[in-house]
Amino acid sequence: MKVRVCKTSDIPANSMKSFDVEGEPVMVANVDGEFYSIADTCSHAMAYLSEGELLDDCRVQCPDHGAVFDLRTGEALALPAVAPVETYKVTIESDDIYIESRAD
């Protein structure tokens, strides 16, 4: 299912923001004008990735224990996380950002 989360202007370049999508925390990041979306909960411990640091090369670092995730694939790139986080397909229509589960 495709869900509208916000306008592109709501997420400035090189920043990220959390949204509640059907009861689940989802993060959308704007990396140099490209939008990516992943689950906003670290797979290692209960921490919101959107409160962490956006790193170069489409990566985000968890604010609690420093785990790093690839925004494109959800892959855990640094310990202590070993499990990936869910990714969401992002589409832009006019100025609106929509996401949908990869499983959809």
N, C-alpha and C. Protein backbone atom coordinates (compact mmCIF):
# COMPACT_ATOMS: atom_id res chain seq x y z
N MET A 1 0.84 -1.18 0.00
CA MET A 1 0.00 0.00 0.00
C MET A 1 0.89 1.25 0.00
N LYS A 2 0.54 2.21 -0.83
CA LYS A 2 1.27 3.46 -0.93
C LYS A 2 0.64 4.48 0.02
N VAL A 3 1.50 5.15 0.82
CA VAL A 3 1.03 6.10 1.83
C VAL A 3 1.76 7.42 1.66
N ARG A 4 1.01 8.52 1.64
CA ARG A 4 1.61 9.85 1.58
C ARG A 4 2.13 10.19 2.97
N VAL A 5 3.41 10.63 3.06
CA VAL A 5 3.97 10.97 4.37
C VAL A 5 4.20 12.46 4.57
N CYS A 6 4.55 13.20 3.51
CA CYS A 6 4.80 14.64 3.66
C CYS A 6 5.07 15.26 2.30
N LYS A 7 5.44 16.52 2.31
CA LYS A 7 5.88 17.23 1.11
C LYS A 7 7.41 17.20 1.07
N THR A 8 7.98 17.28 -0.10
CA THR A 8 9.44 17.28 -0.22
C THR A 8 10.05 18.46 0.54
N SER A 9 9.35 19.56 0.57
CA SER A 9 9.86 20.75 1.27
C SER A 9 9.89 20.59 2.79
N ASP A 10 9.22 19.55 3.32
CA ASP A 10 9.21 19.30 4.76
C ASP A 10 10.53 18.70 5.25
N ILE A 11 11.34 18.20 4.33
CA ILE A 11 12.62 17.57 4.71
C ILE A 11 13.73 18.25 3.91
N PRO A 12 14.41 19.23 4.51
CA PRO A 12 15.49 19.93 3.81
C PRO A 12 16.62 18.97 3.40
N ALA A 13 17.43 19.39 2.45
CA ALA A 13 18.55 18.57 1.99
C ALA A 13 19.43 18.18 3.17
N ASN A 14 19.88 16.93 3.13
CA ASN A 14 20.78 16.36 4.13
C ASN A 14 20.21 16.40 5.54
N SER A 15 18.94 16.03 5.63
CA SER A 15 18.28 15.91 6.93
C SER A 15 17.33 14.72 6.88
N MET A 16 16.75 14.40 8.02
CA MET A 16 15.83 13.27 8.10
C MET A 16 14.74 13.59 9.11
N LYS A 17 13.61 12.90 8.95
CA LYS A 17 12.46 13.17 9.81
C LYS A 17 11.68 11.87 10.02
N SER A 18 11.09 11.74 11.20
CA SER A 18 10.31 10.56 11.56
C SER A 18 8.82 10.81 11.32
N PHE A 19 8.13 9.74 10.91
CA PHE A 19 6.68 9.80 10.69
C PHE A 19 6.05 8.54 11.26
N ASP A 20 4.82 8.67 11.71
CA ASP A 20 4.04 7.52 12.14
C ASP A 20 3.24 7.06 10.93
N VAL A 21 3.53 5.88 10.44
CA VAL A 21 2.83 5.34 9.27
C VAL A 21 2.12 4.06 9.71
N GLU A 22 0.81 4.18 9.83
CA GLU A 22 -0.03 3.06 10.25
C GLU A 22 0.49 2.44 11.55
N GLY A 23 0.87 3.31 12.51
CA GLY A 23 1.30 2.87 13.82
C GLY A 23 2.76 2.48 13.93
N GLU A 24 3.52 2.58 12.84
CA GLU A 24 4.94 2.22 12.85
C GLU A 24 5.79 3.46 12.61
N PRO A 25 6.91 3.60 13.35
CA PRO A 25 7.81 4.72 13.10
C PRO A 25 8.64 4.49 11.84
N VAL A 26 8.55 5.43 10.92
CA VAL A 26 9.26 5.35 9.64
C VAL A 26 10.04 6.64 9.46
N MET A 27 11.28 6.51 9.00
CA MET A 27 12.13 7.68 8.79
C MET A 27 12.30 7.93 7.30
N VAL A 28 12.23 9.20 6.91
CA VAL A 28 12.50 9.61 5.53
C VAL A 28 13.70 10.55 5.59
N ALA A 29 14.67 10.28 4.73
CA ALA A 29 15.89 11.10 4.67
C ALA A 29 16.02 11.72 3.29
N ASN A 30 16.51 12.96 3.26
CA ASN A 30 16.81 13.67 2.03
C ASN A 30 18.32 13.77 1.94
N VAL A 31 18.91 13.01 1.02
CA VAL A 31 20.36 13.03 0.82
C VAL A 31 20.63 13.69 -0.52
N ASP A 32 21.02 14.95 -0.46
CA ASP A 32 21.33 15.72 -1.66
C ASP A 32 20.21 15.67 -2.70
N GLY A 33 18.95 15.74 -2.21
CA GLY A 33 17.80 15.78 -3.11
C GLY A 33 17.22 14.42 -3.45
N GLU A 34 17.86 13.35 -3.02
CA GLU A 34 17.32 11.99 -3.20
C GLU A 34 16.68 11.56 -1.88
N PHE A 35 15.49 10.98 -1.95
CA PHE A 35 14.76 10.60 -0.75
C PHE A 35 14.83 9.09 -0.54
N TYR A 36 15.06 8.70 0.72
CA TYR A 36 15.14 7.29 1.13
C TYR A 36 14.27 7.11 2.36
N SER A 37 13.77 5.90 2.55
CA SER A 37 12.94 5.63 3.72
C SER A 37 13.26 4.26 4.31
N ILE A 38 13.43 4.24 5.63
CA ILE A 38 13.68 3.00 6.36
C ILE A 38 12.87 3.02 7.65
N ALA A 39 12.77 1.85 8.27
CA ALA A 39 12.14 1.79 9.59
C ALA A 39 12.95 2.70 10.52
N ASP A 40 12.26 3.43 11.39
CA ASP A 40 12.94 4.40 12.25
C ASP A 40 13.40 3.80 13.58
N THR A 41 13.39 2.49 13.70
CA THR A 41 13.82 1.84 14.93
C THR A 41 15.05 1.00 14.66
N CYS A 42 16.12 1.22 15.41
CA CYS A 42 17.35 0.45 15.27
C CYS A 42 17.05 -1.02 15.52
N SER A 43 17.66 -1.89 14.74
CA SER A 43 17.44 -3.33 14.89
C SER A 43 18.19 -3.91 16.09
N HIS A 44 19.09 -3.13 16.68
CA HIS A 44 19.86 -3.60 17.83
C HIS A 44 19.16 -3.29 19.15
N ALA A 45 18.67 -2.08 19.30
CA ALA A 45 18.01 -1.66 20.54
C ALA A 45 16.98 -0.60 20.18
N MET A 46 16.04 -0.39 21.07
CA MET A 46 14.95 0.56 20.82
C MET A 46 15.49 1.99 20.81
N ALA A 47 15.84 2.47 19.63
CA ALA A 47 16.31 3.84 19.47
C ALA A 47 15.81 4.33 18.11
N TYR A 48 15.47 5.61 18.04
CA TYR A 48 14.99 6.18 16.78
C TYR A 48 16.17 6.64 15.94
N LEU A 49 16.33 6.04 14.77
CA LEU A 49 17.43 6.40 13.88
C LEU A 49 17.37 7.85 13.45
N SER A 50 16.16 8.41 13.36
CA SER A 50 16.00 9.81 12.96
C SER A 50 16.61 10.77 13.96
N GLU A 51 16.90 10.30 15.17
CA GLU A 51 17.56 11.13 16.18
C GLU A 51 19.07 10.96 16.15
N GLY A 52 19.54 10.14 15.22
CA GLY A 52 20.97 9.91 15.07
C GLY A 52 21.59 10.89 14.09
N GLU A 53 22.69 10.46 13.47
CA GLU A 53 23.43 11.33 12.57
C GLU A 53 23.38 10.80 11.15
N LEU A 54 23.09 11.69 10.21
CA LEU A 54 23.12 11.35 8.80
C LEU A 54 24.58 11.43 8.35
N LEU A 55 25.11 10.32 7.88
CA LEU A 55 26.51 10.26 7.47
C LEU A 55 26.63 10.32 5.95
N ASP A 56 27.85 10.45 5.47
CA ASP A 56 28.07 10.45 4.02
C ASP A 56 27.74 9.08 3.44
N ASP A 57 27.64 9.01 2.14
CA ASP A 57 27.39 7.77 1.41
C ASP A 57 26.09 7.08 1.83
N CYS A 58 25.03 7.87 2.04
CA CYS A 58 23.68 7.33 2.33
C CYS A 58 23.64 6.41 3.53
N ARG A 59 24.22 6.85 4.63
CA ARG A 59 24.23 6.06 5.86
C ARG A 59 23.68 6.88 7.02
N VAL A 60 23.12 6.17 8.00
CA VAL A 60 22.64 6.82 9.22
C VAL A 60 23.23 6.07 10.41
N GLN A 61 23.61 6.84 11.44
CA GLN A 61 24.18 6.25 12.65
C GLN A 61 23.20 6.37 13.80
N CYS A 62 22.97 5.26 14.48
CA CYS A 62 22.06 5.22 15.62
C CYS A 62 22.60 6.09 16.75
N PRO A 63 21.71 6.85 17.41
CA PRO A 63 22.16 7.74 18.48
C PRO A 63 22.58 7.02 19.76
N ASP A 64 22.14 5.79 19.97
CA ASP A 64 22.43 5.12 21.24
C ASP A 64 23.76 4.38 21.28
N HIS A 65 23.98 3.46 20.36
CA HIS A 65 25.18 2.62 20.43
C HIS A 65 26.07 2.71 19.20
N GLY A 66 25.71 3.58 18.25
CA GLY A 66 26.58 3.82 17.10
C GLY A 66 26.44 2.88 15.93
N ALA A 67 25.44 2.01 15.94
CA ALA A 67 25.23 1.14 14.77
C ALA A 67 24.99 2.01 13.54
N VAL A 68 25.40 1.52 12.39
CA VAL A 68 25.26 2.27 11.14
C VAL A 68 24.46 1.44 10.15
N PHE A 69 23.54 2.11 9.44
CA PHE A 69 22.69 1.44 8.46
C PHE A 69 22.77 2.14 7.11
N ASP A 70 22.67 1.37 6.04
CA ASP A 70 22.62 1.90 4.68
C ASP A 70 21.18 2.32 4.40
N LEU A 71 20.97 3.56 4.02
CA LEU A 71 19.62 4.06 3.74
C LEU A 71 19.02 3.43 2.49
N ARG A 72 19.86 2.96 1.58
CA ARG A 72 19.37 2.38 0.32
C ARG A 72 18.88 0.95 0.50
N THR A 73 19.54 0.19 1.37
CA THR A 73 19.25 -1.24 1.49
C THR A 73 18.74 -1.65 2.87
N GLY A 74 18.96 -0.81 3.88
CA GLY A 74 18.61 -1.17 5.25
C GLY A 74 19.66 -2.02 5.92
N GLU A 75 20.70 -2.40 5.21
CA GLU A 75 21.75 -3.27 5.73
C GLU A 75 22.46 -2.65 6.94
N ALA A 76 22.70 -3.47 7.95
CA ALA A 76 23.49 -3.05 9.11
C ALA A 76 24.96 -3.07 8.68
N LEU A 77 25.63 -1.92 8.81
CA LEU A 77 27.01 -1.79 8.35
C LEU A 77 28.02 -1.76 9.48
N ALA A 78 27.57 -1.57 10.72
CA ALA A 78 28.49 -1.49 11.85
C ALA A 78 27.83 -2.05 13.10
N LEU A 79 28.61 -2.76 13.88
CA LEU A 79 28.14 -3.29 15.16
C LEU A 79 27.78 -2.15 16.09
N PRO A 80 26.88 -2.38 17.02
CA PRO A 80 26.41 -3.67 17.48
C PRO A 80 25.24 -4.26 16.68
N ALA A 81 24.70 -3.54 15.72
CA ALA A 81 23.58 -4.09 14.93
C ALA A 81 24.11 -5.11 13.92
N VAL A 82 23.38 -6.20 13.77
CA VAL A 82 23.71 -7.20 12.75
C VAL A 82 22.53 -7.43 11.81
N ALA A 83 21.33 -7.16 12.28
CA ALA A 83 20.12 -7.34 11.47
C ALA A 83 19.80 -6.06 10.71
N PRO A 84 19.31 -6.19 9.49
CA PRO A 84 18.92 -5.00 8.72
C PRO A 84 17.63 -4.39 9.26
N VAL A 85 17.33 -3.18 8.79
CA VAL A 85 16.04 -2.55 9.07
C VAL A 85 15.25 -2.56 7.76
N GLU A 86 13.94 -2.52 7.89
CA GLU A 86 13.08 -2.53 6.70
C GLU A 86 13.27 -1.26 5.89
N THR A 87 13.25 -1.41 4.57
CA THR A 87 13.30 -0.26 3.67
C THR A 87 11.94 -0.10 3.01
N TYR A 88 11.68 1.12 2.57
CA TYR A 88 10.42 1.43 1.90
C TYR A 88 10.73 2.10 0.57
N LYS A 89 9.98 1.74 -0.45
CA LYS A 89 10.12 2.38 -1.76
C LYS A 89 9.55 3.79 -1.64
N VAL A 90 10.29 4.77 -2.16
CA VAL A 90 9.87 6.17 -2.13
C VAL A 90 9.51 6.62 -3.54
N THR A 91 8.36 7.26 -3.67
CA THR A 91 7.98 7.88 -4.93
C THR A 91 7.58 9.32 -4.64
N ILE A 92 7.84 10.17 -5.61
CA ILE A 92 7.50 11.59 -5.51
C ILE A 92 6.45 11.88 -6.58
N GLU A 93 5.35 12.46 -6.15
CA GLU A 93 4.31 12.91 -7.08
C GLU A 93 4.02 14.36 -6.77
N SER A 94 4.29 15.21 -7.75
CA SER A 94 4.25 16.66 -7.56
C SER A 94 5.25 16.98 -6.46
N ASP A 95 4.79 17.49 -5.32
CA ASP A 95 5.69 17.81 -4.20
C ASP A 95 5.44 16.86 -3.03
N ASP A 96 4.71 15.77 -3.28
CA ASP A 96 4.35 14.85 -2.20
C ASP A 96 5.25 13.62 -2.21
N ILE A 97 5.65 13.18 -1.00
CA ILE A 97 6.45 11.97 -0.83
C ILE A 97 5.53 10.84 -0.39
N TYR A 98 5.59 9.74 -1.13
CA TYR A 98 4.85 8.53 -0.80
C TYR A 98 5.84 7.41 -0.52
N ILE A 99 5.48 6.53 0.40
CA ILE A 99 6.30 5.35 0.64
C ILE A 99 5.42 4.12 0.54
N GLU A 100 6.07 2.99 0.23
CA GLU A 100 5.36 1.72 0.24
C GLU A 100 6.35 0.63 0.63
N SER A 101 5.85 -0.35 1.29
CA SER A 101 6.68 -1.47 1.74
C SER A 101 7.24 -2.20 0.54
N ARG A 102 8.48 -2.69 0.68
CA ARG A 102 9.08 -3.50 -0.39
C ARG A 102 8.28 -4.77 -0.62
N ALA A 103 7.60 -5.22 0.42
CA ALA A 103 6.81 -6.45 0.31
C ALA A 103 5.53 -6.25 -0.48
N ASP A 104 5.11 -4.99 -0.65
CA ASP A 104 3.84 -4.71 -1.36
C ASP A 104 3.98 -4.98 -2.85
